N, C-alpha and C. Protein backbone atom coordinates (compact mmCIF):
# COMPACT_ATOMS: atom_id res chain seq x y z
N MET A 1 -37.31 -40.08 110.24
CA MET A 1 -37.74 -38.82 109.66
C MET A 1 -37.25 -38.65 108.22
N ILE A 2 -36.07 -39.14 107.94
CA ILE A 2 -35.54 -39.04 106.58
C ILE A 2 -36.47 -39.75 105.61
N ASN A 3 -37.03 -40.84 106.03
CA ASN A 3 -37.96 -41.57 105.17
C ASN A 3 -39.18 -40.72 104.82
N ASP A 4 -39.63 -39.90 105.76
CA ASP A 4 -40.76 -39.01 105.50
C ASP A 4 -40.42 -38.00 104.41
N ILE A 5 -39.21 -37.47 104.47
CA ILE A 5 -38.77 -36.50 103.47
C ILE A 5 -38.71 -37.13 102.09
N PHE A 6 -38.11 -38.30 102.01
CA PHE A 6 -38.00 -38.94 100.70
C PHE A 6 -39.34 -39.45 100.19
N PHE A 7 -40.23 -39.78 101.09
CA PHE A 7 -41.58 -40.13 100.67
C PHE A 7 -42.28 -38.90 100.08
N LYS A 8 -42.08 -37.77 100.72
CA LYS A 8 -42.66 -36.51 100.22
C LYS A 8 -42.10 -36.18 98.84
N ILE A 9 -40.82 -36.43 98.65
CA ILE A 9 -40.20 -36.17 97.35
C ILE A 9 -40.76 -37.11 96.29
N LYS A 10 -40.93 -38.36 96.64
CA LYS A 10 -41.49 -39.34 95.69
C LYS A 10 -42.92 -38.99 95.27
N GLN A 11 -43.65 -38.36 96.16
CA GLN A 11 -45.04 -38.00 95.88
C GLN A 11 -45.15 -36.84 94.89
N ASN A 12 -44.11 -36.03 94.81
CA ASN A 12 -44.12 -34.87 93.92
C ASN A 12 -43.20 -35.17 92.73
N PRO A 13 -43.76 -35.41 91.55
CA PRO A 13 -42.92 -35.78 90.39
C PRO A 13 -41.92 -34.69 90.00
N LEU A 14 -42.29 -33.44 90.13
CA LEU A 14 -41.36 -32.36 89.78
C LEU A 14 -40.18 -32.33 90.74
N LEU A 15 -40.48 -32.50 91.99
CA LEU A 15 -39.43 -32.51 93.01
C LEU A 15 -38.52 -33.72 92.84
N TYR A 16 -39.09 -34.84 92.54
CA TYR A 16 -38.31 -36.06 92.32
C TYR A 16 -37.38 -35.90 91.12
N GLU A 17 -37.89 -35.36 90.05
CA GLU A 17 -37.08 -35.14 88.85
C GLU A 17 -35.98 -34.12 89.12
N TYR A 18 -36.30 -33.08 89.85
CA TYR A 18 -35.31 -32.06 90.19
C TYR A 18 -34.18 -32.66 91.02
N LEU A 19 -34.53 -33.50 91.94
CA LEU A 19 -33.53 -34.13 92.81
C LEU A 19 -32.61 -35.06 92.03
N LYS A 20 -33.12 -35.68 90.99
CA LYS A 20 -32.27 -36.56 90.17
C LYS A 20 -31.15 -35.77 89.50
N TYR A 21 -31.43 -34.55 89.09
CA TYR A 21 -30.43 -33.75 88.38
C TYR A 21 -29.62 -32.86 89.31
N HIS A 22 -30.05 -32.71 90.54
CA HIS A 22 -29.34 -31.88 91.51
C HIS A 22 -29.09 -32.72 92.77
N SER A 23 -28.22 -33.67 92.62
CA SER A 23 -28.02 -34.67 93.67
C SER A 23 -27.35 -34.12 94.93
N TYR A 24 -26.76 -32.94 94.85
CA TYR A 24 -26.15 -32.37 96.05
C TYR A 24 -27.17 -32.13 97.16
N TRP A 25 -28.43 -32.10 96.77
CA TRP A 25 -29.48 -31.92 97.78
C TRP A 25 -29.61 -33.13 98.69
N TYR A 26 -29.22 -34.29 98.24
CA TYR A 26 -29.27 -35.47 99.10
C TYR A 26 -28.47 -35.25 100.38
N ASN A 27 -27.24 -34.77 100.21
CA ASN A 27 -26.40 -34.53 101.38
C ASN A 27 -27.00 -33.48 102.31
N LYS A 28 -27.53 -32.43 101.71
CA LYS A 28 -28.13 -31.38 102.54
C LYS A 28 -29.34 -31.89 103.30
N LEU A 29 -30.14 -32.69 102.66
CA LEU A 29 -31.34 -33.23 103.31
C LEU A 29 -31.00 -34.21 104.41
N ILE A 30 -29.93 -34.95 104.22
CA ILE A 30 -29.51 -35.87 105.27
C ILE A 30 -28.98 -35.09 106.48
N GLU A 31 -28.27 -33.98 106.22
CA GLU A 31 -27.79 -33.13 107.31
C GLU A 31 -28.93 -32.53 108.11
N ASN A 32 -29.86 -31.96 107.37
CA ASN A 32 -30.95 -31.25 108.04
C ASN A 32 -32.20 -31.36 107.16
N GLU A 33 -33.24 -31.88 107.72
CA GLU A 33 -34.48 -32.11 106.95
C GLU A 33 -35.19 -30.82 106.56
N SER A 34 -34.91 -29.75 107.26
CA SER A 34 -35.59 -28.49 106.96
C SER A 34 -35.13 -27.88 105.63
N TYR A 35 -34.06 -28.44 105.05
CA TYR A 35 -33.60 -27.96 103.74
C TYR A 35 -34.59 -28.30 102.63
N ILE A 36 -35.55 -29.12 102.93
CA ILE A 36 -36.54 -29.47 101.91
C ILE A 36 -37.26 -28.23 101.39
N TYR A 37 -37.50 -27.28 102.28
CA TYR A 37 -38.20 -26.06 101.87
C TYR A 37 -37.32 -25.19 100.97
N GLU A 38 -36.04 -25.16 101.25
CA GLU A 38 -35.12 -24.43 100.38
C GLU A 38 -35.03 -25.11 99.01
N MET A 39 -35.01 -26.42 99.03
CA MET A 39 -34.95 -27.16 97.78
C MET A 39 -36.20 -26.89 96.94
N ILE A 40 -37.35 -26.87 97.58
CA ILE A 40 -38.60 -26.60 96.86
C ILE A 40 -38.58 -25.19 96.27
N ASP A 41 -38.10 -24.22 97.04
CA ASP A 41 -38.01 -22.85 96.53
C ASP A 41 -37.07 -22.76 95.33
N GLU A 42 -35.92 -23.41 95.45
CA GLU A 42 -34.96 -23.39 94.35
C GLU A 42 -35.53 -24.07 93.11
N MET A 43 -36.23 -25.17 93.31
CA MET A 43 -36.84 -25.88 92.19
C MET A 43 -37.86 -25.00 91.48
N LYS A 44 -38.68 -24.33 92.27
CA LYS A 44 -39.70 -23.46 91.68
C LYS A 44 -39.08 -22.32 90.89
N LYS A 45 -38.00 -21.77 91.40
CA LYS A 45 -37.32 -20.69 90.67
C LYS A 45 -36.70 -21.19 89.38
N GLU A 46 -36.07 -22.35 89.45
CA GLU A 46 -35.43 -22.89 88.26
C GLU A 46 -36.43 -23.31 87.20
N LEU A 47 -37.51 -23.92 87.62
CA LEU A 47 -38.53 -24.38 86.67
C LEU A 47 -39.53 -23.29 86.30
N LYS A 48 -39.36 -22.15 86.92
CA LYS A 48 -40.22 -20.98 86.67
C LYS A 48 -41.69 -21.31 86.92
N ILE A 49 -41.95 -21.82 88.10
CA ILE A 49 -43.33 -22.10 88.48
C ILE A 49 -43.74 -21.33 89.72
N THR A 50 -43.05 -20.23 89.98
CA THR A 50 -43.44 -19.37 91.10
C THR A 50 -44.65 -18.56 90.67
N SER A 51 -45.31 -17.95 91.60
CA SER A 51 -46.49 -17.17 91.28
C SER A 51 -46.14 -15.95 90.41
N ILE A 52 -44.97 -15.37 90.63
CA ILE A 52 -44.54 -14.23 89.82
C ILE A 52 -44.32 -14.66 88.38
N ASP A 53 -43.72 -15.82 88.19
CA ASP A 53 -43.51 -16.33 86.84
C ASP A 53 -44.83 -16.60 86.14
N LYS A 54 -45.78 -17.12 86.87
CA LYS A 54 -47.09 -17.39 86.29
C LYS A 54 -47.79 -16.09 85.88
N LEU A 55 -47.67 -15.06 86.71
CA LEU A 55 -48.26 -13.77 86.37
C LEU A 55 -47.58 -13.16 85.15
N ASN A 56 -46.28 -13.28 85.07
CA ASN A 56 -45.56 -12.78 83.90
C ASN A 56 -45.97 -13.52 82.64
N ASP A 57 -46.13 -14.80 82.75
CA ASP A 57 -46.57 -15.60 81.62
C ASP A 57 -47.97 -15.19 81.16
N LEU A 58 -48.85 -15.00 82.12
CA LEU A 58 -50.20 -14.55 81.80
C LEU A 58 -50.18 -13.18 81.14
N SER A 59 -49.36 -12.30 81.66
CA SER A 59 -49.24 -10.96 81.09
C SER A 59 -48.74 -11.01 79.65
N ASN A 60 -47.77 -11.86 79.40
CA ASN A 60 -47.24 -12.02 78.04
C ASN A 60 -48.30 -12.57 77.09
N LYS A 61 -49.10 -13.50 77.56
CA LYS A 61 -50.16 -14.06 76.73
C LYS A 61 -51.22 -13.01 76.42
N ILE A 62 -51.57 -12.22 77.41
CA ILE A 62 -52.56 -11.17 77.19
C ILE A 62 -52.03 -10.14 76.19
N GLU A 63 -50.76 -9.81 76.33
CA GLU A 63 -50.14 -8.86 75.40
C GLU A 63 -50.12 -9.41 73.99
N LEU A 64 -49.84 -10.69 73.84
CA LEU A 64 -49.84 -11.33 72.52
C LEU A 64 -51.24 -11.29 71.90
N ILE A 65 -52.23 -11.62 72.68
CA ILE A 65 -53.61 -11.60 72.19
C ILE A 65 -54.02 -10.19 71.81
N SER A 66 -53.64 -9.25 72.63
CA SER A 66 -53.96 -7.85 72.35
C SER A 66 -53.33 -7.38 71.04
N SER A 67 -52.08 -7.71 70.84
CA SER A 67 -51.41 -7.30 69.59
C SER A 67 -52.04 -8.01 68.39
N PHE A 68 -52.41 -9.26 68.58
CA PHE A 68 -53.06 -9.99 67.50
C PHE A 68 -54.40 -9.34 67.15
N LEU A 69 -55.17 -8.97 68.15
CA LEU A 69 -56.47 -8.32 67.90
C LEU A 69 -56.29 -6.95 67.27
N SER A 70 -55.27 -6.24 67.63
CA SER A 70 -55.05 -4.92 67.02
C SER A 70 -54.68 -5.05 65.55
N ILE A 71 -54.00 -6.13 65.20
CA ILE A 71 -53.65 -6.37 63.79
C ILE A 71 -54.90 -6.72 62.99
N ILE A 72 -55.78 -7.49 63.59
CA ILE A 72 -57.01 -7.90 62.90
C ILE A 72 -57.92 -6.69 62.66
N ASN A 73 -58.00 -5.81 63.63
CA ASN A 73 -58.89 -4.64 63.48
C ASN A 73 -58.23 -3.67 62.61
């Protein structure tokens, strides 16, 4: 089963890169394979790729465009 987890990590480049810099996850994953979901959540929060972060980014871009258009008019 551990091989399945590490295969899943290898398939996801972001997850693989995250694991290289946060090696303490190796021990946790060996203890219990279900920690993979916690690791994915932590990675998303750190890399700011959660849906909330994406919405905030979109909102900021819309605000920037709006301010730019108000300056032009």
